[in-house]
Amino acid sequence: MSANIRSLDGQDEATLLREIKNALRDLRFGSVEITVHNAQVVQIERKEKFRLQSPNGK
């Protein structure tokens, strides 16, 4: 499902897309959560996981 960013009142589409792109940049494992309140993006949260490999591959 996709959202229409143009419908978010009073917010600049280019700025929102730039911030989302920055949150996704170099993310290998994790998630990006976008919180919307009253048709406004109020928070972009990045959660990153680091996967560590054991020396013997287990």
C-alpha atoms as a PDB file:
ATOM      1  CA  MET A   1       0.000   0.000   0.000  1.00  0.00           C
ATOM      2  CA  SER A   2       1.360   3.429  -0.838  1.00  0.00           C
ATOM      3  CA  ALA A   3       0.578   6.840   0.620  1.00  0.00           C
ATOM      4  CA  ASN A   4       0.151  10.052  -1.289  1.00  0.00           C
ATOM      5  CA  ILE A   5       2.671  12.453   0.260  1.00  0.00           C
ATOM      6  CA  ARG A   6       1.004  15.385  -1.493  1.00  0.00           C
ATOM      7  CA  SER A   7      -1.998  14.933   0.802  1.00  0.00           C
ATOM      8  CA  LEU A   8       0.020  15.839   3.910  1.00  0.00           C
ATOM      9  CA  ASP A   9      -1.160  19.368   4.645  1.00  0.00           C
ATOM     10  CA  GLY A  10       1.419  22.126   5.012  1.00  0.00           C
ATOM     11  CA  GLN A  11       4.501  19.958   4.529  1.00  0.00           C
ATOM     12  CA  ASP A  12       7.025  20.192   1.755  1.00  0.00           C
ATOM     13  CA  GLU A  13       7.106  16.959  -0.231  1.00  0.00           C
ATOM     14  CA  ALA A  14      10.773  17.369  -1.226  1.00  0.00           C
ATOM     15  CA  THR A  15      11.853  17.864   2.397  1.00  0.00           C
ATOM     16  CA  LEU A  16       9.928  14.795   3.578  1.00  0.00           C
ATOM     17  CA  LEU A  17      11.357  12.631   0.829  1.00  0.00           C
ATOM     18  CA  ARG A  18      14.884  13.877   1.551  1.00  0.00           C
ATOM     19  CA  GLU A  19      14.544  13.028   5.253  1.00  0.00           C
ATOM     20  CA  ILE A  20      13.172   9.557   4.477  1.00  0.00           C
ATOM     21  CA  LYS A  21      16.008   8.974   2.010  1.00  0.00           C
ATOM     22  CA  ASN A  22      18.545  10.052   4.657  1.00  0.00           C
ATOM     23  CA  ALA A  23      17.023   7.612   7.150  1.00  0.00           C
ATOM     24  CA  LEU A  24      17.365   4.787   4.611  1.00  0.00           C
ATOM     25  CA  ARG A  25      20.910   5.674   3.556  1.00  0.00           C
ATOM     26  CA  ASP A  26      23.421   2.892   4.350  1.00  0.00           C
ATOM     27  CA  LEU A  27      20.808   0.895   6.311  1.00  0.00           C
ATOM     28  CA  ARG A  28      21.641  -2.808   5.916  1.00  0.00           C
ATOM     29  CA  PHE A  29      19.480  -4.392   8.637  1.00  0.00           C
ATOM     30  CA  GLY A  30      16.689  -2.558  10.409  1.00  0.00           C
ATOM     31  CA  SER A  31      13.627  -0.443   9.782  1.00  0.00           C
ATOM     32  CA  VAL A  32      12.423   3.100   9.216  1.00  0.00           C
ATOM     33  CA  GLU A  33       9.158   4.096  10.897  1.00  0.00           C
ATOM     34  CA  ILE A  34       7.206   7.175   9.817  1.00  0.00           C
ATOM     35  CA  THR A  35       4.691   8.517  12.337  1.00  0.00           C
ATOM     36  CA  VAL A  36       1.783  10.614  11.062  1.00  0.00           C
ATOM     37  CA  HIS A  37      -0.563  12.626  13.308  1.00  0.00           C
ATOM     38  CA  ASN A  38      -3.430  14.718  11.931  1.00  0.00           C
ATOM     39  CA  ALA A  39      -2.154  14.274   8.358  1.00  0.00           C
ATOM     40  CA  GLN A  40       1.317  15.574   9.340  1.00  0.00           C
ATOM     41  CA  VAL A  41       4.531  13.586   9.466  1.00  0.00           C
ATOM     42  CA  VAL A  42       5.678  14.201  13.023  1.00  0.00           C
ATOM     43  CA  GLN A  43       8.523  11.712  13.365  1.00  0.00           C
ATOM     44  CA  ILE A  44      10.875   9.581  11.302  1.00  0.00           C
ATOM     45  CA  GLU A  45      12.587   6.905  13.382  1.00  0.00           C
ATOM     46  CA  ARG A  46      15.474   4.725  12.242  1.00  0.00           C
ATOM     47  CA  LYS A  47      16.195   1.434  13.982  1.00  0.00           C
ATOM     48  CA  GLU A  48      19.398  -0.248  12.945  1.00  0.00           C
ATOM     49  CA  LYS A  49      20.615  -3.734  13.788  1.00  0.00           C
ATOM     50  CA  PHE A  50      24.210  -4.831  13.596  1.00  0.00           C
ATOM     51  CA  ARG A  51      24.748  -8.486  12.740  1.00  0.00           C
ATOM     52  CA  LEU A  52      27.951  -9.883  14.163  1.00  0.00           C
ATOM     53  CA  GLN A  53      29.557 -12.989  12.714  1.00  0.00           C
ATOM     54  CA  SER A  54      31.321 -15.363  15.054  1.00  0.00           C
ATOM     55  CA  PRO A  55      34.970 -16.178  14.125  1.00  0.00           C
ATOM     56  CA  ASN A  56      34.136 -19.835  13.373  1.00  0.00           C
ATOM     57  CA  GLY A  57      31.055 -18.990  11.274  1.00  0.00           C
ATOM     58  CA  LYS A  58      28.431 -20.228  13.777  1.00  0.00           C
END
